[in-house]
Amino acid sequence: LAGSTLANTFGYVYNQDANKVIMENISNSNLIHDPGSVAVYCNDGF
């Protein structure tokens, strides 16, 4: 996965739509490497 969706997901106020935003971002992004081939720090995975 590309990494981290930061917009509207960090801050003092909890964004109820954070998961939706992250999933939409993933649905519009290509992977950056073959799954399982290399470790790249990724917040979206968690």
All heavy atoms as atom14 arrays in JSON, in Angstrom:
{
  "sequence": "LAGSTLANTFGYVYNQDANKVIMENISNSNLIHDPGSVAVYCNDGF",
  "atom14_mask": [
    [1, 1, 1, 1, 1, 1, 1, 1, 0, 0, 0, 0, 0, 0],
    [1, 1, 1, 1, 1, 0, 0, 0, 0, 0, 0, 0, 0, 0],
    [1, 1, 1, 1, 0, 0, 0, 0, 0, 0, 0, 0, 0, 0],
    [1, 1, 1, 1, 1, 1, 0, 0, 0, 0, 0, 0, 0, 0],
    [1, 1, 1, 1, 1, 1, 1, 0, 0, 0, 0, 0, 0, 0],
    [1, 1, 1, 1, 1, 1, 1, 1, 0, 0, 0, 0, 0, 0],
    [1, 1, 1, 1, 1, 0, 0, 0, 0, 0, 0, 0, 0, 0],
    [1, 1, 1, 1, 1, 1, 1, 1, 0, 0, 0, 0, 0, 0],
    [1, 1, 1, 1, 1, 1, 1, 0, 0, 0, 0, 0, 0, 0],
    [1, 1, 1, 1, 1, 1, 1, 1, 1, 1, 1, 0, 0, 0],
    [1, 1, 1, 1, 0, 0, 0, 0, 0, 0, 0, 0, 0, 0],
    [1, 1, 1, 1, 1, 1, 1, 1, 1, 1, 1, 1, 0, 0],
    [1, 1, 1, 1, 1, 1, 1, 0, 0, 0, 0, 0, 0, 0],
    [1, 1, 1, 1, 1, 1, 1, 1, 1, 1, 1, 1, 0, 0],
    [1, 1, 1, 1, 1, 1, 1, 1, 0, 0, 0, 0, 0, 0],
    [1, 1, 1, 1, 1, 1, 1, 1, 1, 0, 0, 0, 0, 0],
    [1, 1, 1, 1, 1, 1, 1, 1, 0, 0, 0, 0, 0, 0],
    [1, 1, 1, 1, 1, 0, 0, 0, 0, 0, 0, 0, 0, 0],
    [1, 1, 1, 1, 1, 1, 1, 1, 0, 0, 0, 0, 0, 0],
    [1, 1, 1, 1, 1, 1, 1, 1, 1, 0, 0, 0, 0, 0],
    [1, 1, 1, 1, 1, 1, 1, 0, 0, 0, 0, 0, 0, 0],
    [1, 1, 1, 1, 1, 1, 1, 1, 0, 0, 0, 0, 0, 0],
    [1, 1, 1, 1, 1, 1, 1, 1, 0, 0, 0, 0, 0, 0],
    [1, 1, 1, 1, 1, 1, 1, 1, 1, 0, 0, 0, 0, 0],
    [1, 1, 1, 1, 1, 1, 1, 1, 0, 0, 0, 0, 0, 0],
    [1, 1, 1, 1, 1, 1, 1, 1, 0, 0, 0, 0, 0, 0],
    [1, 1, 1, 1, 1, 1, 0, 0, 0, 0, 0, 0, 0, 0],
    [1, 1, 1, 1, 1, 1, 1, 1, 0, 0, 0, 0, 0, 0],
    [1, 1, 1, 1, 1, 1, 0, 0, 0, 0, 0, 0, 0, 0],
    [1, 1, 1, 1, 1, 1, 1, 1, 0, 0, 0, 0, 0, 0],
    [1, 1, 1, 1, 1, 1, 1, 1, 0, 0, 0, 0, 0, 0],
    [1, 1, 1, 1, 1, 1, 1, 1, 0, 0, 0, 0, 0, 0],
    [1, 1, 1, 1, 1, 1, 1, 1, 1, 1, 0, 0, 0, 0],
    [1, 1, 1, 1, 1, 1, 1, 1, 0, 0, 0, 0, 0, 0],
    [1, 1, 1, 1, 1, 1, 1, 0, 0, 0, 0, 0, 0, 0],
    [1, 1, 1, 1, 0, 0, 0, 0, 0, 0, 0, 0, 0, 0],
    [1, 1, 1, 1, 1, 1, 0, 0, 0, 0, 0, 0, 0, 0],
    [1, 1, 1, 1, 1, 1, 1, 0, 0, 0, 0, 0, 0, 0],
    [1, 1, 1, 1, 1, 0, 0, 0, 0, 0, 0, 0, 0, 0],
    [1, 1, 1, 1, 1, 1, 1, 0, 0, 0, 0, 0, 0, 0],
    [1, 1, 1, 1, 1, 1, 1, 1, 1, 1, 1, 1, 0, 0],
    [1, 1, 1, 1, 1, 1, 0, 0, 0, 0, 0, 0, 0, 0],
    [1, 1, 1, 1, 1, 1, 1, 1, 0, 0, 0, 0, 0, 0],
    [1, 1, 1, 1, 1, 1, 1, 1, 0, 0, 0, 0, 0, 0],
    [1, 1, 1, 1, 0, 0, 0, 0, 0, 0, 0, 0, 0, 0],
    [1, 1, 1, 1, 1, 1, 1, 1, 1, 1, 1, 0, 0, 0]
  ],
  "atom14_positions": [
    [[0.84, -1.2, 0.0], [0.0, 0.0, 0.0], [0.87, 1.24, 0.0], [1.99, 1.24, 0.53], [-0.92, 0.0, 1.22], [-1.96, -1.13, 1.27], [-2.69, -1.11, 2.61], [-2.95, -0.99, 0.13], [0.0, 0.0, 0.0], [0.0, 0.0, 0.0], [0.0, 0.0, 0.0], [0.0, 0.0, 0.0], [0.0, 0.0, 0.0], [0.0, 0.0, 0.0]],
    [[0.35, 2.31, -0.57], [1.16, 3.5, -0.82], [1.73, 4.16, 0.43], [2.76, 4.81, 0.37], [0.35, 4.51, -1.63], [0.0, 0.0, 0.0], [0.0, 0.0, 0.0], [0.0, 0.0, 0.0], [0.0, 0.0, 0.0], [0.0, 0.0, 0.0], [0.0, 0.0, 0.0], [0.0, 0.0, 0.0], [0.0, 0.0, 0.0], [0.0, 0.0, 0.0]],
    [[1.05, 4.05, 1.56], [1.64, 4.67, 2.75], [0.62, 5.17, 3.74], [-0.01, 4.39, 4.44], [0.0, 0.0, 0.0], [0.0, 0.0, 0.0], [0.0, 0.0, 0.0], [0.0, 0.0, 0.0], [0.0, 0.0, 0.0], [0.0, 0.0, 0.0], [0.0, 0.0, 0.0], [0.0, 0.0, 0.0], [0.0, 0.0, 0.0], [0.0, 0.0, 0.0]],
    [[0.43, 6.49, 3.8], [-0.4, 7.08, 4.84], [-1.38, 8.1, 4.28], [-0.99, 8.99, 3.52], [0.47, 7.76, 5.9], [1.44, 6.87, 6.41], [0.0, 0.0, 0.0], [0.0, 0.0, 0.0], [0.0, 0.0, 0.0], [0.0, 0.0, 0.0], [0.0, 0.0, 0.0], [0.0, 0.0, 0.0], [0.0, 0.0, 0.0], [0.0, 0.0, 0.0]],
    [[-2.64, 7.97, 4.66], [-3.64, 8.97, 4.33], [-3.68, 9.94, 5.49], [-4.21, 9.61, 6.56], [-5.02, 8.31, 4.13], [-4.94, 7.39, 3.04], [-6.08, 9.36, 3.81], [0.0, 0.0, 0.0], [0.0, 0.0, 0.0], [0.0, 0.0, 0.0], [0.0, 0.0, 0.0], [0.0, 0.0, 0.0], [0.0, 0.0, 0.0], [0.0, 0.0, 0.0]],
    [[-3.11, 11.12, 5.32], [-2.99, 12.08, 6.42], [-4.1, 13.12, 6.42], [-4.52, 13.58, 7.48], [-1.63, 12.77, 6.35], [-0.41, 11.84, 6.43], [0.88, 12.65, 6.33], [-0.42, 11.04, 7.72], [0.0, 0.0, 0.0], [0.0, 0.0, 0.0], [0.0, 0.0, 0.0], [0.0, 0.0, 0.0], [0.0, 0.0, 0.0], [0.0, 0.0, 0.0]],
    [[-4.58, 13.52, 5.26], [-5.6, 14.57, 5.19], [-6.88, 14.14, 5.9], [-7.43, 13.07, 5.64], [-5.91, 14.88, 3.72], [0.0, 0.0, 0.0], [0.0, 0.0, 0.0], [0.0, 0.0, 0.0], [0.0, 0.0, 0.0], [0.0, 0.0, 0.0], [0.0, 0.0, 0.0], [0.0, 0.0, 0.0], [0.0, 0.0, 0.0], [0.0, 0.0, 0.0]],
    [[-7.3, 14.96, 6.85], [-8.55, 14.75, 7.59], [-8.55, 13.5, 8.48], [-9.61, 13.04, 8.91], [-9.74, 14.67, 6.62], [-9.9, 15.93, 5.8], [-9.79, 17.03, 6.32], [-10.16, 15.77, 4.51], [0.0, 0.0, 0.0], [0.0, 0.0, 0.0], [0.0, 0.0, 0.0], [0.0, 0.0, 0.0], [0.0, 0.0, 0.0], [0.0, 0.0, 0.0]],
    [[-7.39, 12.94, 8.75], [-7.34, 11.78, 9.62], [-6.5, 12.03, 10.88], [-6.46, 11.18, 11.76], [-6.76, 10.55, 8.89], [-5.44, 10.83, 8.44], [-7.63, 10.18, 7.69], [0.0, 0.0, 0.0], [0.0, 0.0, 0.0], [0.0, 0.0, 0.0], [0.0, 0.0, 0.0], [0.0, 0.0, 0.0], [0.0, 0.0, 0.0], [0.0, 0.0, 0.0]],
    [[-5.83, 13.17, 10.98], [-5.06, 13.54, 12.17], [-5.59, 14.88, 12.68], [-5.85, 15.78, 11.89], [-3.57, 13.69, 11.85], [-2.84, 12.39, 11.73], [-2.92, 11.63, 10.58], [-2.08, 11.9, 12.79], [-2.25, 10.43, 10.45], [-1.41, 10.7, 12.68], [-1.49, 9.96, 11.51], [0.0, 0.0, 0.0], [0.0, 0.0, 0.0], [0.0, 0.0, 0.0]],
    [[-5.75, 15.0, 13.99], [-6.18, 16.29, 14.53], [-6.85, 16.14, 15.88], [-6.95, 15.04, 16.44], [0.0, 0.0, 0.0], [0.0, 0.0, 0.0], [0.0, 0.0, 0.0], [0.0, 0.0, 0.0], [0.0, 0.0, 0.0], [0.0, 0.0, 0.0], [0.0, 0.0, 0.0], [0.0, 0.0, 0.0], [0.0, 0.0, 0.0], [0.0, 0.0, 0.0]],
    [[-7.33, 17.26, 16.42], [-7.96, 17.27, 17.73], [-9.37, 16.7, 17.69], [-9.87, 16.19, 18.67], [-8.03, 18.71, 18.26], [-6.69, 19.3, 18.63], [-5.99, 20.1, 17.74], [-6.14, 19.04, 19.88], [-4.77, 20.63, 18.08], [-4.9, 19.58, 20.23], [-4.23, 20.38, 19.34], [-3.02, 20.91, 19.66], [0.0, 0.0, 0.0], [0.0, 0.0, 0.0]],
    [[-10.02, 16.82, 16.53], [-11.4, 16.36, 16.4], [-11.42, 15.05, 15.62], [-10.84, 14.96, 14.53], [-12.27, 17.41, 15.68], [-13.7, 16.89, 15.54], [-12.25, 18.73, 16.45], [0.0, 0.0, 0.0], [0.0, 0.0, 0.0], [0.0, 0.0, 0.0], [0.0, 0.0, 0.0], [0.0, 0.0, 0.0], [0.0, 0.0, 0.0], [0.0, 0.0, 0.0]],
    [[-12.07, 14.04, 16.17], [-12.14, 12.74, 15.51], [-13.03, 12.82, 14.27], [-14.18, 13.25, 14.34], [-12.67, 11.69, 16.47], [-12.86, 10.34, 15.85], [-11.78, 9.65, 15.31], [-14.12, 9.74, 15.78], [-11.94, 8.41, 14.72], [-14.29, 8.49, 15.2], [-13.19, 7.83, 14.67], [-13.35, 6.61, 14.1], [0.0, 0.0, 0.0], [0.0, 0.0, 0.0]],
    [[-12.49, 12.42, 13.14], [-13.24, 12.41, 11.89], [-13.98, 11.08, 11.77], [-13.38, 10.02, 11.57], [-12.29, 12.6, 10.7], [-13.0, 12.59, 9.36], [-14.23, 12.54, 9.31], [-12.25, 12.65, 8.29], [0.0, 0.0, 0.0], [0.0, 0.0, 0.0], [0.0, 0.0, 0.0], [0.0, 0.0, 0.0], [0.0, 0.0, 0.0], [0.0, 0.0, 0.0]],
    [[-15.29, 11.11, 11.86], [-16.1, 9.89, 11.8], [-15.97, 9.18, 10.46], [-16.26, 7.98, 10.35], [-17.56, 10.23, 12.07], [-17.84, 10.85, 13.43], [-17.68, 9.87, 14.58], [-17.72, 8.66, 14.37], [-17.5, 10.38, 15.78], [0.0, 0.0, 0.0], [0.0, 0.0, 0.0], [0.0, 0.0, 0.0], [0.0, 0.0, 0.0], [0.0, 0.0, 0.0]],
    [[-15.55, 9.91, 9.44], [-15.43, 9.34, 8.1], [-14.0, 8.95, 7.75], [-13.68, 8.71, 6.59], [-15.95, 10.33, 7.05], [-17.44, 10.59, 7.19], [-18.18, 9.64, 7.51], [-17.86, 11.74, 6.99], [0.0, 0.0, 0.0], [0.0, 0.0, 0.0], [0.0, 0.0, 0.0], [0.0, 0.0, 0.0], [0.0, 0.0, 0.0], [0.0, 0.0, 0.0]],
    [[-13.11, 8.89, 8.75], [-11.7, 8.61, 8.49], [-11.5, 7.3, 7.74], [-10.76, 7.24, 6.76], [-10.92, 8.59, 9.81], [0.0, 0.0, 0.0], [0.0, 0.0, 0.0], [0.0, 0.0, 0.0], [0.0, 0.0, 0.0], [0.0, 0.0, 0.0], [0.0, 0.0, 0.0], [0.0, 0.0, 0.0], [0.0, 0.0, 0.0], [0.0, 0.0, 0.0]],
    [[-12.17, 6.24, 8.17], [-12.01, 4.95, 7.5], [-12.5, 5.01, 6.06], [-11.89, 4.4, 5.16], [-12.77, 3.86, 8.26], [-12.08, 3.47, 9.56], [-10.94, 3.84, 9.8], [-12.78, 2.73, 10.4], [0.0, 0.0, 0.0], [0.0, 0.0, 0.0], [0.0, 0.0, 0.0], [0.0, 0.0, 0.0], [0.0, 0.0, 0.0], [0.0, 0.0, 0.0]],
    [[-13.57, 5.73, 5.84], [-14.1, 5.88, 4.47], [-13.11, 6.6, 3.59], [-12.86, 6.21, 2.45], [-15.42, 6.63, 4.51], [-16.06, 6.84, 3.14], [-17.38, 7.6, 3.26], [-17.99, 7.84, 1.88], [-19.26, 8.6, 1.99], [0.0, 0.0, 0.0], [0.0, 0.0, 0.0], [0.0, 0.0, 0.0], [0.0, 0.0, 0.0], [0.0, 0.0, 0.0]],
    [[-12.5, 7.66, 4.15], [-11.5, 8.44, 3.39], [-10.3, 7.56, 3.04], [-9.81, 7.59, 1.91], [-11.03, 9.67, 4.22], [-9.85, 10.35, 3.54], [-12.18, 10.65, 4.4], [0.0, 0.0, 0.0], [0.0, 0.0, 0.0], [0.0, 0.0, 0.0], [0.0, 0.0, 0.0], [0.0, 0.0, 0.0], [0.0, 0.0, 0.0], [0.0, 0.0, 0.0]],
    [[-9.84, 6.78, 4.0], [-8.68, 5.9, 3.77], [-9.01, 4.85, 2.71], [-8.21, 4.6, 1.8], [-8.26, 5.22, 5.09], [-7.68, 6.27, 6.05], [-7.23, 4.11, 4.84], [-7.45, 5.77, 7.46], [0.0, 0.0, 0.0], [0.0, 0.0, 0.0], [0.0, 0.0, 0.0], [0.0, 0.0, 0.0], [0.0, 0.0, 0.0], [0.0, 0.0, 0.0]],
    [[-10.17, 4.23, 2.81], [-10.56, 3.2, 1.85], [-10.71, 3.78, 0.44], [-10.31, 3.15, -0.55], [-11.86, 2.53, 2.28], [-12.15, 1.23, 1.55], [-10.94, -0.08, 1.92], [-11.56, -0.69, 3.49], [0.0, 0.0, 0.0], [0.0, 0.0, 0.0], [0.0, 0.0, 0.0], [0.0, 0.0, 0.0], [0.0, 0.0, 0.0], [0.0, 0.0, 0.0]],
    [[-11.26, 4.98, 0.33], [-11.4, 5.62, -0.98], [-10.03, 5.93, -1.58], [-9.83, 5.78, -2.78], [-12.22, 6.92, -0.84], [-13.71, 6.68, -0.6], [-14.48, 7.97, -0.47], [-13.82, 9.06, -0.37], [-15.71, 7.93, -0.45], [0.0, 0.0, 0.0], [0.0, 0.0, 0.0], [0.0, 0.0, 0.0], [0.0, 0.0, 0.0], [0.0, 0.0, 0.0]],
    [[-9.1, 6.36, -0.73], [-7.76, 6.66, -1.2], [-7.09, 5.4, -1.74], [-6.46, 5.4, -2.8], [-6.93, 7.26, -0.07], [-5.56, 7.72, -0.53], [-5.43, 8.38, -1.55], [-4.53, 7.35, 0.22], [0.0, 0.0, 0.0], [0.0, 0.0, 0.0], [0.0, 0.0, 0.0], [0.0, 0.0, 0.0], [0.0, 0.0, 0.0], [0.0, 0.0, 0.0]],
    [[-7.24, 4.3, -1.0], [-6.66, 3.02, -1.43], [-7.28, 2.56, -2.74], [-6.6, 2.04, -3.63], [-6.85, 1.95, -0.34], [-5.99, 2.29, 0.89], [-6.48, 0.55, -0.87], [-6.23, 1.38, 2.08], [0.0, 0.0, 0.0], [0.0, 0.0, 0.0], [0.0, 0.0, 0.0], [0.0, 0.0, 0.0], [0.0, 0.0, 0.0], [0.0, 0.0, 0.0]],
    [[-8.6, 2.75, -2.87], [-9.31, 2.29, -4.07], [-8.9, 3.04, -5.33], [-9.24, 2.63, -6.44], [-10.82, 2.41, -3.86], [-11.22, 3.77, -3.82], [0.0, 0.0, 0.0], [0.0, 0.0, 0.0], [0.0, 0.0, 0.0], [0.0, 0.0, 0.0], [0.0, 0.0, 0.0], [0.0, 0.0, 0.0], [0.0, 0.0, 0.0], [0.0, 0.0, 0.0]],
    [[-8.18, 4.15, -5.14], [-7.73, 4.95, -6.29], [-6.22, 4.94, -6.45], [-5.66, 5.75, -7.2], [-8.22, 6.4, -6.16], [-9.72, 6.52, -6.31], [-10.26, 6.2, -7.36], [-10.39, 6.98, -5.28], [0.0, 0.0, 0.0], [0.0, 0.0, 0.0], [0.0, 0.0, 0.0], [0.0, 0.0, 0.0], [0.0, 0.0, 0.0], [0.0, 0.0, 0.0]],
    [[-5.55, 4.03, -5.74], [-4.09, 4.0, -5.76], [-3.56, 2.62, -6.15], [-4.15, 1.6, -5.8], [-3.53, 4.36, -4.37], [-4.01, 5.61, -3.93], [0.0, 0.0, 0.0], [0.0, 0.0, 0.0], [0.0, 0.0, 0.0], [0.0, 0.0, 0.0], [0.0, 0.0, 0.0], [0.0, 0.0, 0.0], [0.0, 0.0, 0.0], [0.0, 0.0, 0.0]],
    [[-2.45, 2.61, -6.87], [-1.77, 1.37, -7.19], [-0.83, 0.99, -6.06], [-0.41, 1.85, -5.27], [-0.96, 1.51, -8.49], [-1.84, 1.61, -9.71], [-2.83, 0.89, -9.83], [-1.5, 2.5, -10.62], [0.0, 0.0, 0.0], [0.0, 0.0, 0.0], [0.0, 0.0, 0.0], [0.0, 0.0, 0.0], [0.0, 0.0, 0.0], [0.0, 0.0, 0.0]],
    [[-0.49, -0.27, -5.96], [0.51, -0.7, -4.99], [1.88, -0.22, -5.43], [2.13, -0.05, -6.63], [0.51, -2.23, -4.86], [-0.8, -2.9, -4.43], [-0.58, -4.4, -4.21], [-1.38, -2.25, -3.19], [0.0, 0.0, 0.0], [0.0, 0.0, 0.0], [0.0, 0.0, 0.0], [0.0, 0.0, 0.0], [0.0, 0.0, 0.0], [0.0, 0.0, 0.0]],
    [[2.77, -0.01, -4.47], [4.1, 0.49, -4.81], [5.13, -0.64, -4.97], [6.24, -0.4, -5.4], [4.6, 1.5, -3.76], [4.66, 0.86, -2.36], [3.71, 2.72, -3.74], [5.25, 1.78, -1.3], [0.0, 0.0, 0.0], [0.0, 0.0, 0.0], [0.0, 0.0, 0.0], [0.0, 0.0, 0.0], [0.0, 0.0, 0.0], [0.0, 0.0, 0.0]],
    [[4.72, -1.87, -4.62], [5.59, -3.03, -4.83], [4.76, -4.3, -4.7], [3.6, -4.26, -4.25], [6.76, -3.05, -3.84], [6.35, -3.09, -2.39], [5.84, -4.23, -1.8], [6.37, -2.14, -1.43], [5.59, -3.98, -0.52], [5.89, -2.72, -0.27], [0.0, 0.0, 0.0], [0.0, 0.0, 0.0], [0.0, 0.0, 0.0], [0.0, 0.0, 0.0]],
    [[5.32, -5.41, -5.09], [4.61, -6.69, -4.96], [4.34, -6.98, -3.49], [5.24, -6.82, -2.64], [5.45, -7.83, -5.55], [5.53, -7.79, -7.06], [4.62, -7.19, -7.69], [6.49, -8.36, -7.61], [0.0, 0.0, 0.0], [0.0, 0.0, 0.0], [0.0, 0.0, 0.0], [0.0, 0.0, 0.0], [0.0, 0.0, 0.0], [0.0, 0.0, 0.0]],
    [[3.14, -7.4, -3.14], [2.83, -7.73, -1.75], [3.8, -8.77, -1.19], [4.09, -9.79, -1.83], [1.41, -8.31, -1.85], [0.83, -7.63, -3.04], [1.97, -7.54, -4.02], [0.0, 0.0, 0.0], [0.0, 0.0, 0.0], [0.0, 0.0, 0.0], [0.0, 0.0, 0.0], [0.0, 0.0, 0.0], [0.0, 0.0, 0.0], [0.0, 0.0, 0.0]],
    [[4.36, -8.45, -0.02], [5.25, -9.37, 0.66], [6.7, -9.29, 0.24], [7.56, -9.97, 0.81], [0.0, 0.0, 0.0], [0.0, 0.0, 0.0], [0.0, 0.0, 0.0], [0.0, 0.0, 0.0], [0.0, 0.0, 0.0], [0.0, 0.0, 0.0], [0.0, 0.0, 0.0], [0.0, 0.0, 0.0], [0.0, 0.0, 0.0], [0.0, 0.0, 0.0]],
    [[7.02, -8.43, -0.74], [8.39, -8.41, -1.27], [9.34, -7.49, -0.51], [10.54, -7.75, -0.47], [8.38, -7.99, -2.75], [7.89, -6.66, -2.89], [0.0, 0.0, 0.0], [0.0, 0.0, 0.0], [0.0, 0.0, 0.0], [0.0, 0.0, 0.0], [0.0, 0.0, 0.0], [0.0, 0.0, 0.0], [0.0, 0.0, 0.0], [0.0, 0.0, 0.0]],
    [[8.83, -6.45, 0.11], [9.69, -5.49, 0.81], [8.87, -4.77, 1.88], [7.65, -4.64, 1.74], [10.3, -4.46, -0.18], [9.2, -3.62, -0.82], [11.34, -3.58, 0.5], [0.0, 0.0, 0.0], [0.0, 0.0, 0.0], [0.0, 0.0, 0.0], [0.0, 0.0, 0.0], [0.0, 0.0, 0.0], [0.0, 0.0, 0.0], [0.0, 0.0, 0.0]],
    [[9.52, -4.33, 2.94], [8.83, -3.63, 4.03], [8.97, -2.12, 3.86], [10.09, -1.6, 3.82], [9.4, -4.06, 5.38], [0.0, 0.0, 0.0], [0.0, 0.0, 0.0], [0.0, 0.0, 0.0], [0.0, 0.0, 0.0], [0.0, 0.0, 0.0], [0.0, 0.0, 0.0], [0.0, 0.0, 0.0], [0.0, 0.0, 0.0], [0.0, 0.0, 0.0]],
    [[7.85, -1.43, 3.76], [7.82, 0.03, 3.67], [6.78, 0.52, 4.68], [5.62, 0.1, 4.62], [7.43, 0.51, 2.25], [7.36, 2.03, 2.22], [8.43, -0.01, 1.23], [0.0, 0.0, 0.0], [0.0, 0.0, 0.0], [0.0, 0.0, 0.0], [0.0, 0.0, 0.0], [0.0, 0.0, 0.0], [0.0, 0.0, 0.0], [0.0, 0.0, 0.0]],
    [[7.18, 1.38, 5.59], [6.3, 1.83, 6.67], [4.98, 2.32, 6.13], [4.94, 3.15, 5.21], [6.98, 2.94, 7.47], [6.32, 3.22, 8.79], [6.63, 2.45, 9.92], [5.39, 4.24, 8.93], [6.04, 2.71, 11.14], [4.79, 4.5, 10.16], [5.11, 3.73, 11.25], [4.51, 3.97, 12.46], [0.0, 0.0, 0.0], [0.0, 0.0, 0.0]],
    [[3.88, 1.83, 6.7], [2.56, 2.11, 6.13], [1.5, 2.23, 7.21], [1.12, 1.24, 7.83], [2.19, 1.01, 5.13], [0.59, 1.21, 4.38], [0.0, 0.0, 0.0], [0.0, 0.0, 0.0], [0.0, 0.0, 0.0], [0.0, 0.0, 0.0], [0.0, 0.0, 0.0], [0.0, 0.0, 0.0], [0.0, 0.0, 0.0], [0.0, 0.0, 0.0]],
    [[1.01, 3.44, 7.43], [-0.06, 3.66, 8.39], [-1.39, 3.09, 7.91], [-2.17, 2.57, 8.7], [-0.23, 5.15, 8.67], [0.85, 5.7, 9.58], [1.12, 5.17, 10.64], [1.49, 6.77, 9.15], [0.0, 0.0, 0.0], [0.0, 0.0, 0.0], [0.0, 0.0, 0.0], [0.0, 0.0, 0.0], [0.0, 0.0, 0.0], [0.0, 0.0, 0.0]],
    [[-1.66, 3.19, 6.62], [-2.94, 2.74, 6.09], [-3.16, 1.25, 6.31], [-4.29, 0.8, 6.49], [-3.05, 3.06, 4.6], [-3.25, 4.55, 4.34], [-3.41, 5.3, 5.32], [-3.24, 4.96, 3.16], [0.0, 0.0, 0.0], [0.0, 0.0, 0.0], [0.0, 0.0, 0.0], [0.0, 0.0, 0.0], [0.0, 0.0, 0.0], [0.0, 0.0, 0.0]],
    [[-2.07, 0.48, 6.33], [-2.2, -0.95, 6.58], [-2.77, -1.22, 7.96], [-3.59, -2.14, 8.14], [0.0, 0.0, 0.0], [0.0, 0.0, 0.0], [0.0, 0.0, 0.0], [0.0, 0.0, 0.0], [0.0, 0.0, 0.0], [0.0, 0.0, 0.0], [0.0, 0.0, 0.0], [0.0, 0.0, 0.0], [0.0, 0.0, 0.0], [0.0, 0.0, 0.0]],
    [[-2.38, -0.42, 8.94], [-2.89, -0.61, 10.3], [-4.32, -0.08, 10.43], [-5.1, -0.57, 11.25], [-1.95, 0.04, 11.32], [-0.81, -0.87, 11.69], [0.3, -0.97, 10.87], [-0.87, -1.65, 12.82], [1.33, -1.83, 11.18], [0.16, -2.52, 13.15], [1.26, -2.61, 12.32], [0.0, 0.0, 0.0], [0.0, 0.0, 0.0], [0.0, 0.0, 0.0]]
  ]
}
